N, C-alpha and C. Protein backbone atom coordinates (compact mmCIF):
# COMPACT_ATOMS: atom_id res chain seq x y z
N MET A 1 10.32 13.07 2.90
CA MET A 1 11.68 12.54 2.82
C MET A 1 11.64 11.17 2.16
N SER A 2 12.45 10.99 1.15
CA SER A 2 12.47 9.70 0.47
C SER A 2 13.64 8.85 0.97
N THR A 3 13.51 7.56 0.76
CA THR A 3 14.55 6.62 1.15
C THR A 3 15.42 6.33 -0.07
N PRO A 4 16.73 6.59 0.01
CA PRO A 4 17.60 6.34 -1.13
C PRO A 4 17.53 4.87 -1.56
N ASN A 5 17.54 4.67 -2.86
CA ASN A 5 17.54 3.33 -3.45
C ASN A 5 16.25 2.54 -3.28
N LEU A 6 15.21 3.14 -2.69
CA LEU A 6 13.91 2.48 -2.61
C LEU A 6 13.10 2.85 -3.85
N VAL A 7 12.68 1.83 -4.60
CA VAL A 7 11.91 2.04 -5.82
C VAL A 7 10.57 1.36 -5.66
N LEU A 8 9.50 2.07 -6.02
CA LEU A 8 8.17 1.47 -6.07
C LEU A 8 7.88 1.11 -7.52
N LEU A 9 7.73 -0.16 -7.78
CA LEU A 9 7.48 -0.69 -9.12
C LEU A 9 5.99 -0.98 -9.25
N VAL A 10 5.32 -0.26 -10.15
CA VAL A 10 3.87 -0.41 -10.33
C VAL A 10 3.62 -1.02 -11.70
N GLU A 11 3.29 -2.31 -11.69
CA GLU A 11 3.15 -3.09 -12.93
C GLU A 11 2.12 -4.18 -12.69
N ASP A 12 1.14 -4.29 -13.59
CA ASP A 12 0.08 -5.28 -13.38
C ASP A 12 0.43 -6.68 -13.88
N HIS A 13 1.36 -6.82 -14.80
CA HIS A 13 1.73 -8.14 -15.30
C HIS A 13 2.79 -8.77 -14.39
N ALA A 14 2.42 -9.89 -13.77
CA ALA A 14 3.29 -10.51 -12.78
C ALA A 14 4.66 -10.87 -13.33
N ASP A 15 4.74 -11.41 -14.55
CA ASP A 15 6.04 -11.79 -15.11
C ASP A 15 6.95 -10.58 -15.27
N SER A 16 6.42 -9.50 -15.80
CA SER A 16 7.20 -8.27 -15.98
C SER A 16 7.63 -7.71 -14.63
N ARG A 17 6.70 -7.72 -13.69
CA ARG A 17 6.99 -7.19 -12.35
C ARG A 17 8.12 -7.99 -11.70
N GLU A 18 8.05 -9.32 -11.79
CA GLU A 18 9.08 -10.16 -11.17
C GLU A 18 10.44 -9.97 -11.84
N LEU A 19 10.46 -9.89 -13.16
CA LEU A 19 11.72 -9.68 -13.89
C LEU A 19 12.36 -8.35 -13.50
N LEU A 20 11.56 -7.29 -13.50
CA LEU A 20 12.10 -5.97 -13.16
C LEU A 20 12.52 -5.91 -11.69
N GLU A 21 11.75 -6.52 -10.81
CA GLU A 21 12.12 -6.54 -9.40
C GLU A 21 13.45 -7.26 -9.19
N GLU A 22 13.62 -8.39 -9.85
CA GLU A 22 14.87 -9.15 -9.73
C GLU A 22 16.05 -8.32 -10.24
N PHE A 23 15.88 -7.71 -11.41
CA PHE A 23 16.95 -6.90 -11.99
C PHE A 23 17.32 -5.74 -11.07
N LEU A 24 16.31 -5.01 -10.60
CA LEU A 24 16.59 -3.84 -9.76
C LEU A 24 17.24 -4.24 -8.44
N THR A 25 16.82 -5.36 -7.89
CA THR A 25 17.43 -5.85 -6.65
C THR A 25 18.90 -6.17 -6.88
N LEU A 26 19.20 -6.84 -7.99
CA LEU A 26 20.60 -7.14 -8.32
C LEU A 26 21.42 -5.87 -8.54
N GLU A 27 20.75 -4.81 -8.98
CA GLU A 27 21.42 -3.52 -9.21
C GLU A 27 21.56 -2.70 -7.93
N GLY A 28 21.12 -3.24 -6.79
CA GLY A 28 21.32 -2.57 -5.52
C GLY A 28 20.15 -1.76 -5.01
N PHE A 29 18.99 -1.86 -5.67
CA PHE A 29 17.81 -1.14 -5.21
C PHE A 29 17.00 -2.02 -4.26
N THR A 30 16.30 -1.37 -3.34
CA THR A 30 15.27 -2.02 -2.56
C THR A 30 13.98 -1.79 -3.32
N VAL A 31 13.25 -2.85 -3.62
CA VAL A 31 12.08 -2.74 -4.49
C VAL A 31 10.82 -3.13 -3.74
N GLU A 32 9.82 -2.27 -3.81
CA GLU A 32 8.47 -2.61 -3.36
C GLU A 32 7.62 -2.63 -4.62
N THR A 33 6.61 -3.49 -4.65
CA THR A 33 5.81 -3.62 -5.85
C THR A 33 4.33 -3.37 -5.56
N ALA A 34 3.64 -2.96 -6.62
CA ALA A 34 2.19 -2.80 -6.58
C ALA A 34 1.65 -3.28 -7.92
N GLY A 35 0.53 -3.98 -7.90
CA GLY A 35 -0.03 -4.54 -9.12
C GLY A 35 -1.00 -3.63 -9.84
N ASN A 36 -1.29 -2.46 -9.25
CA ASN A 36 -2.17 -1.49 -9.89
C ASN A 36 -2.00 -0.13 -9.22
N GLY A 37 -2.60 0.87 -9.81
CA GLY A 37 -2.45 2.23 -9.29
C GLY A 37 -3.03 2.42 -7.91
N LEU A 38 -4.13 1.72 -7.59
CA LEU A 38 -4.72 1.86 -6.26
C LEU A 38 -3.79 1.32 -5.19
N SER A 39 -3.19 0.17 -5.43
CA SER A 39 -2.22 -0.38 -4.46
C SER A 39 -1.03 0.56 -4.31
N ALA A 40 -0.59 1.15 -5.42
CA ALA A 40 0.53 2.10 -5.36
C ALA A 40 0.13 3.33 -4.56
N TRP A 41 -1.08 3.83 -4.78
CA TRP A 41 -1.54 5.02 -4.05
C TRP A 41 -1.59 4.74 -2.55
N GLU A 42 -2.09 3.54 -2.19
CA GLU A 42 -2.12 3.17 -0.77
C GLU A 42 -0.71 3.11 -0.20
N ARG A 43 0.24 2.56 -0.96
CA ARG A 43 1.63 2.49 -0.49
C ARG A 43 2.23 3.89 -0.33
N LEU A 44 1.93 4.80 -1.25
CA LEU A 44 2.49 6.15 -1.19
C LEU A 44 1.90 6.98 -0.06
N SER A 45 0.83 6.50 0.55
CA SER A 45 0.19 7.25 1.64
C SER A 45 0.94 7.09 2.96
N ARG A 46 1.92 6.20 3.00
CA ARG A 46 2.66 6.00 4.26
C ARG A 46 4.17 6.08 4.01
N PRO A 47 4.91 6.55 5.01
CA PRO A 47 6.36 6.62 4.86
C PRO A 47 6.98 5.23 4.95
N PRO A 48 8.20 5.10 4.48
CA PRO A 48 8.99 6.13 3.79
C PRO A 48 8.60 6.22 2.32
N LEU A 49 8.81 7.39 1.75
CA LEU A 49 8.56 7.55 0.32
C LEU A 49 9.69 6.90 -0.46
N PRO A 50 9.37 6.34 -1.62
CA PRO A 50 10.45 5.80 -2.46
C PRO A 50 11.25 6.93 -3.09
N ALA A 51 12.46 6.59 -3.53
CA ALA A 51 13.29 7.56 -4.25
C ALA A 51 12.74 7.77 -5.66
N ALA A 52 12.02 6.76 -6.18
CA ALA A 52 11.43 6.86 -7.52
C ALA A 52 10.31 5.85 -7.65
N VAL A 53 9.42 6.13 -8.60
CA VAL A 53 8.33 5.22 -8.95
C VAL A 53 8.51 4.83 -10.41
N LEU A 54 8.46 3.54 -10.68
CA LEU A 54 8.42 3.03 -12.05
C LEU A 54 6.98 2.65 -12.31
N LEU A 55 6.37 3.30 -13.29
CA LEU A 55 4.92 3.24 -13.44
C LEU A 55 4.48 2.76 -14.82
N ASP A 56 3.74 1.66 -14.83
CA ASP A 56 3.03 1.24 -16.03
C ASP A 56 1.79 2.13 -16.11
N LEU A 57 1.31 2.41 -17.31
CA LEU A 57 0.14 3.27 -17.45
C LEU A 57 -1.16 2.49 -17.57
N MET A 58 -1.13 1.40 -18.30
CA MET A 58 -2.36 0.65 -18.57
C MET A 58 -2.48 -0.51 -17.57
N MET A 59 -3.32 -0.28 -16.55
CA MET A 59 -3.51 -1.26 -15.49
C MET A 59 -4.98 -1.29 -15.08
N PRO A 60 -5.41 -2.42 -14.51
CA PRO A 60 -6.78 -2.47 -13.99
C PRO A 60 -6.88 -1.72 -12.66
N VAL A 61 -8.07 -1.55 -12.17
CA VAL A 61 -8.41 -0.94 -10.89
C VAL A 61 -8.15 0.57 -10.91
N MET A 62 -6.90 0.97 -11.08
CA MET A 62 -6.55 2.39 -11.23
C MET A 62 -5.37 2.46 -12.19
N SER A 63 -5.55 3.20 -13.28
CA SER A 63 -4.48 3.30 -14.29
C SER A 63 -3.36 4.20 -13.80
N GLY A 64 -2.26 4.18 -14.53
CA GLY A 64 -1.16 5.08 -14.23
C GLY A 64 -1.54 6.54 -14.38
N TRP A 65 -2.41 6.83 -15.36
CA TRP A 65 -2.86 8.22 -15.53
C TRP A 65 -3.63 8.68 -14.30
N GLU A 66 -4.54 7.81 -13.80
CA GLU A 66 -5.31 8.17 -12.61
C GLU A 66 -4.40 8.34 -11.39
N LEU A 67 -3.45 7.43 -11.23
CA LEU A 67 -2.52 7.54 -10.10
C LEU A 67 -1.77 8.86 -10.16
N MET A 68 -1.30 9.24 -11.34
CA MET A 68 -0.54 10.49 -11.46
C MET A 68 -1.40 11.71 -11.12
N ARG A 69 -2.67 11.68 -11.43
CA ARG A 69 -3.54 12.81 -11.02
C ARG A 69 -3.54 12.94 -9.50
N HIS A 70 -3.64 11.82 -8.80
CA HIS A 70 -3.61 11.85 -7.33
C HIS A 70 -2.25 12.33 -6.82
N VAL A 71 -1.19 11.80 -7.39
CA VAL A 71 0.17 12.14 -6.94
C VAL A 71 0.41 13.64 -7.10
N ARG A 72 0.05 14.21 -8.24
CA ARG A 72 0.34 15.62 -8.50
C ARG A 72 -0.54 16.56 -7.68
N GLN A 73 -1.63 16.06 -7.12
CA GLN A 73 -2.49 16.88 -6.27
C GLN A 73 -2.06 16.83 -4.80
N ASP A 74 -1.12 15.97 -4.49
CA ASP A 74 -0.66 15.79 -3.11
C ASP A 74 0.68 16.50 -2.96
N ALA A 75 0.71 17.57 -2.18
CA ALA A 75 1.93 18.37 -2.04
C ALA A 75 3.11 17.53 -1.56
N ARG A 76 2.86 16.53 -0.74
CA ARG A 76 3.92 15.68 -0.21
C ARG A 76 4.59 14.86 -1.32
N LEU A 77 3.84 14.60 -2.40
CA LEU A 77 4.33 13.74 -3.47
C LEU A 77 4.68 14.49 -4.76
N SER A 78 4.46 15.79 -4.78
CA SER A 78 4.55 16.54 -6.04
C SER A 78 5.94 16.48 -6.69
N ALA A 79 6.99 16.30 -5.91
CA ALA A 79 8.34 16.24 -6.47
C ALA A 79 8.85 14.81 -6.66
N LEU A 80 8.00 13.84 -6.39
CA LEU A 80 8.41 12.43 -6.50
C LEU A 80 8.78 12.09 -7.94
N PRO A 81 10.00 11.59 -8.17
CA PRO A 81 10.38 11.20 -9.54
C PRO A 81 9.60 9.98 -10.01
N VAL A 82 8.90 10.14 -11.13
CA VAL A 82 8.13 9.04 -11.71
C VAL A 82 8.64 8.78 -13.11
N VAL A 83 8.95 7.51 -13.38
CA VAL A 83 9.40 7.07 -14.69
C VAL A 83 8.33 6.14 -15.25
N VAL A 84 7.80 6.48 -16.41
CA VAL A 84 6.81 5.63 -17.05
C VAL A 84 7.54 4.50 -17.77
N VAL A 85 7.12 3.27 -17.47
CA VAL A 85 7.62 2.07 -18.14
C VAL A 85 6.39 1.45 -18.81
N SER A 86 6.19 1.82 -20.08
CA SER A 86 4.94 1.42 -20.73
C SER A 86 5.05 1.53 -22.23
N GLY A 87 4.23 0.78 -22.90
CA GLY A 87 4.11 0.91 -24.34
C GLY A 87 2.95 1.82 -24.72
N ALA A 88 2.27 2.40 -23.72
CA ALA A 88 1.04 3.15 -23.97
C ALA A 88 1.25 4.61 -24.30
N GLY A 89 2.43 5.14 -24.06
CA GLY A 89 2.65 6.57 -24.19
C GLY A 89 2.43 7.12 -25.58
N SER A 90 2.56 6.29 -26.59
CA SER A 90 2.44 6.80 -27.94
C SER A 90 1.00 7.08 -28.33
N SER A 91 0.03 6.39 -27.72
CA SER A 91 -1.36 6.57 -28.10
C SER A 91 -2.03 7.70 -27.35
N GLN A 92 -1.56 8.03 -26.17
CA GLN A 92 -2.12 9.11 -25.37
C GLN A 92 -0.97 9.94 -24.82
N PRO A 93 -1.23 11.23 -24.55
CA PRO A 93 -0.18 12.03 -23.95
C PRO A 93 0.20 11.46 -22.58
N LEU A 94 1.45 11.62 -22.21
CA LEU A 94 1.90 11.17 -20.90
C LEU A 94 1.29 12.04 -19.81
N PRO A 95 1.10 11.48 -18.63
CA PRO A 95 0.60 12.29 -17.52
C PRO A 95 1.59 13.40 -17.17
N GLU A 96 1.06 14.47 -16.62
CA GLU A 96 1.90 15.59 -16.19
C GLU A 96 2.83 15.15 -15.08
N GLY A 97 4.06 15.64 -15.11
CA GLY A 97 4.99 15.39 -14.04
C GLY A 97 5.89 14.18 -14.22
N ILE A 98 5.83 13.55 -15.36
CA ILE A 98 6.68 12.38 -15.61
C ILE A 98 8.11 12.86 -15.87
N ARG A 99 9.09 12.24 -15.20
CA ARG A 99 10.49 12.63 -15.38
C ARG A 99 11.13 12.01 -16.60
N ALA A 100 10.70 10.77 -16.94
CA ALA A 100 11.32 10.06 -18.05
C ALA A 100 10.41 8.91 -18.45
N THR A 101 10.71 8.34 -19.61
CA THR A 101 9.98 7.17 -20.07
C THR A 101 10.97 6.10 -20.53
N VAL A 102 10.59 4.86 -20.31
CA VAL A 102 11.33 3.71 -20.81
C VAL A 102 10.30 2.84 -21.51
N PRO A 103 10.41 2.69 -22.83
CA PRO A 103 9.40 1.92 -23.56
C PRO A 103 9.50 0.42 -23.29
N LYS A 104 8.38 -0.25 -23.46
CA LYS A 104 8.36 -1.71 -23.42
C LYS A 104 8.53 -2.21 -24.85
N PRO A 105 9.21 -3.33 -25.07
CA PRO A 105 9.88 -4.13 -24.06
C PRO A 105 11.06 -3.37 -23.46
N VAL A 106 11.25 -3.57 -22.17
CA VAL A 106 12.22 -2.79 -21.40
C VAL A 106 13.64 -3.21 -21.71
N ASP A 107 14.47 -2.22 -22.05
CA ASP A 107 15.91 -2.41 -22.15
C ASP A 107 16.45 -2.15 -20.74
N LEU A 108 16.95 -3.21 -20.09
CA LEU A 108 17.35 -3.09 -18.68
C LEU A 108 18.48 -2.07 -18.48
N PHE A 109 19.38 -1.96 -19.43
CA PHE A 109 20.47 -0.98 -19.30
C PHE A 109 19.92 0.44 -19.40
N GLU A 110 18.94 0.64 -20.28
CA GLU A 110 18.30 1.96 -20.38
C GLU A 110 17.54 2.29 -19.10
N LEU A 111 16.87 1.28 -18.53
CA LEU A 111 16.15 1.49 -17.27
C LEU A 111 17.10 1.92 -16.17
N ARG A 112 18.23 1.23 -16.06
CA ARG A 112 19.21 1.58 -15.02
C ARG A 112 19.76 2.98 -15.23
N ALA A 113 20.10 3.32 -16.47
CA ALA A 113 20.63 4.66 -16.77
C ALA A 113 19.58 5.73 -16.46
N THR A 114 18.33 5.44 -16.75
CA THR A 114 17.26 6.40 -16.48
C THR A 114 17.10 6.60 -14.98
N LEU A 115 17.12 5.53 -14.22
CA LEU A 115 17.03 5.66 -12.76
C LEU A 115 18.20 6.46 -12.21
N ASP A 116 19.39 6.21 -12.72
CA ASP A 116 20.54 6.97 -12.27
C ASP A 116 20.36 8.47 -12.52
N ARG A 117 19.70 8.81 -13.62
CA ARG A 117 19.47 10.23 -13.94
C ARG A 117 18.42 10.88 -13.05
N VAL A 118 17.36 10.15 -12.72
CA VAL A 118 16.23 10.81 -12.02
C VAL A 118 16.28 10.70 -10.51
N VAL A 119 17.02 9.75 -9.97
CA VAL A 119 17.07 9.58 -8.52
C VAL A 119 18.19 10.45 -7.95
N SER A 120 17.79 11.35 -7.06
CA SER A 120 18.78 12.21 -6.43
C SER A 120 19.62 11.38 -5.47
N PRO A 121 20.90 11.70 -5.38
CA PRO A 121 21.73 10.98 -4.40
C PRO A 121 21.18 11.16 -3.00
N GLY A 122 21.17 10.07 -2.24
CA GLY A 122 20.61 10.11 -0.88
C GLY A 122 21.43 10.94 0.02
């Protein structure tokens, strides 16, 4: 069971993470953050689940690709909406199960519209 309006933001660059967190909070979301895929994986191991994950792909410790392999192997997380927010998608195929992509630099209006599309009403 996911919590409506709870977004897990997975981004290793502190400035980007803070900007996106501030924007999403102003837009009415509750935001939890993780600086890498391992921190995100640890967060996803406990309830409540977020309504969506915003995922950078290129991160230290555990990349977004590695995190998605774990997520898709976990039946509890298999339907979790994940939106890639990255400039990396053009060089490598996106991980399986991605609902949408928002390229960097992030257009905040596009990000909001994308979240509205992928997050099911609570």
